[in-house]
Amino acid sequence: MERQGEEFSGLFADIDLNSTKLGSNAQQRNVTITEVLRALDEIDLFEHNGDVIGTLMSI
């Protein structure tokens, strides 16, 4: 059995979490990242058919 979370290893490796596009300082970036994660948490992945993130971004 895989360790919990192992399948997410490196998930954010290609994302610049220090980008000023997320906010002009660390506190603002943390707020933006938190908001994105909370929005993703609200998605019902099991009842959705298709590309969840692609559909979300096209709305």
Protein backbone atom coordinates (compact mmCIF):
# COMPACT_ATOMS: atom_id res chain seq x y z
CA MET A 1 0.00 0.00 0.00
CA GLU A 2 1.31 3.44 -0.93
CA ARG A 3 2.07 5.90 1.81
CA GLN A 4 -0.61 8.53 2.07
CA GLY A 5 0.26 11.52 -0.12
CA GLU A 6 3.05 9.76 -1.99
CA GLU A 7 1.11 10.06 -5.26
CA PHE A 8 1.26 13.85 -4.84
CA SER A 9 5.03 13.96 -4.47
CA GLY A 10 6.40 16.75 -6.65
CA LEU A 11 2.93 17.98 -7.58
CA PHE A 12 3.94 21.63 -7.26
CA ALA A 13 7.54 21.20 -8.48
CA ASP A 14 6.82 23.10 -11.72
CA ILE A 15 4.90 25.93 -10.08
CA ASP A 16 6.67 29.08 -8.90
CA LEU A 17 4.97 29.68 -5.57
CA ASN A 18 7.07 32.83 -5.15
CA SER A 19 5.77 34.42 -8.36
CA THR A 20 4.54 37.99 -7.98
CA LYS A 21 1.55 36.92 -10.12
CA LEU A 22 0.24 35.32 -6.92
CA GLY A 23 0.80 38.48 -4.89
CA SER A 24 3.35 41.19 -4.33
CA ASN A 25 4.58 39.81 -1.00
CA ALA A 26 4.68 36.50 0.85
CA GLN A 27 1.52 37.21 2.85
CA GLN A 28 -0.50 38.02 -0.29
CA ARG A 29 0.87 34.93 -2.07
CA ASN A 30 -0.15 32.77 0.89
CA VAL A 31 -3.68 34.20 0.73
CA THR A 32 -3.93 33.50 -3.02
CA ILE A 33 -2.59 29.96 -2.68
CA THR A 34 -4.98 29.29 0.21
CA GLU A 35 -7.93 30.57 -1.84
CA VAL A 36 -6.99 28.34 -4.79
CA LEU A 37 -6.65 25.26 -2.57
CA ARG A 38 -10.00 25.97 -0.90
CA ALA A 39 -11.69 26.37 -4.30
CA LEU A 40 -10.19 23.07 -5.46
CA ASP A 41 -11.35 21.40 -2.25
CA GLU A 42 -14.96 22.31 -3.08
CA ILE A 43 -14.90 20.37 -6.37
CA ASP A 44 -16.66 17.02 -6.24
CA LEU A 45 -14.08 14.96 -8.11
CA PHE A 46 -16.06 11.73 -7.88
CA GLU A 47 -19.29 13.05 -9.40
CA HIS A 48 -17.65 15.04 -12.19
CA ASN A 49 -17.21 13.68 -15.70
CA GLY A 50 -14.36 15.02 -17.80
CA ASP A 51 -11.47 17.37 -17.15
CA VAL A 52 -12.24 18.91 -13.77
CA ILE A 53 -9.58 21.63 -13.83
CA GLY A 54 -10.08 22.41 -17.54
CA THR A 55 -13.83 22.82 -17.01
CA LEU A 56 -13.25 24.99 -13.96
CA MET A 57 -10.84 27.28 -15.83
CA SER A 58 -13.24 27.74 -18.78
CA ILE A 59 -16.07 29.08 -16.61
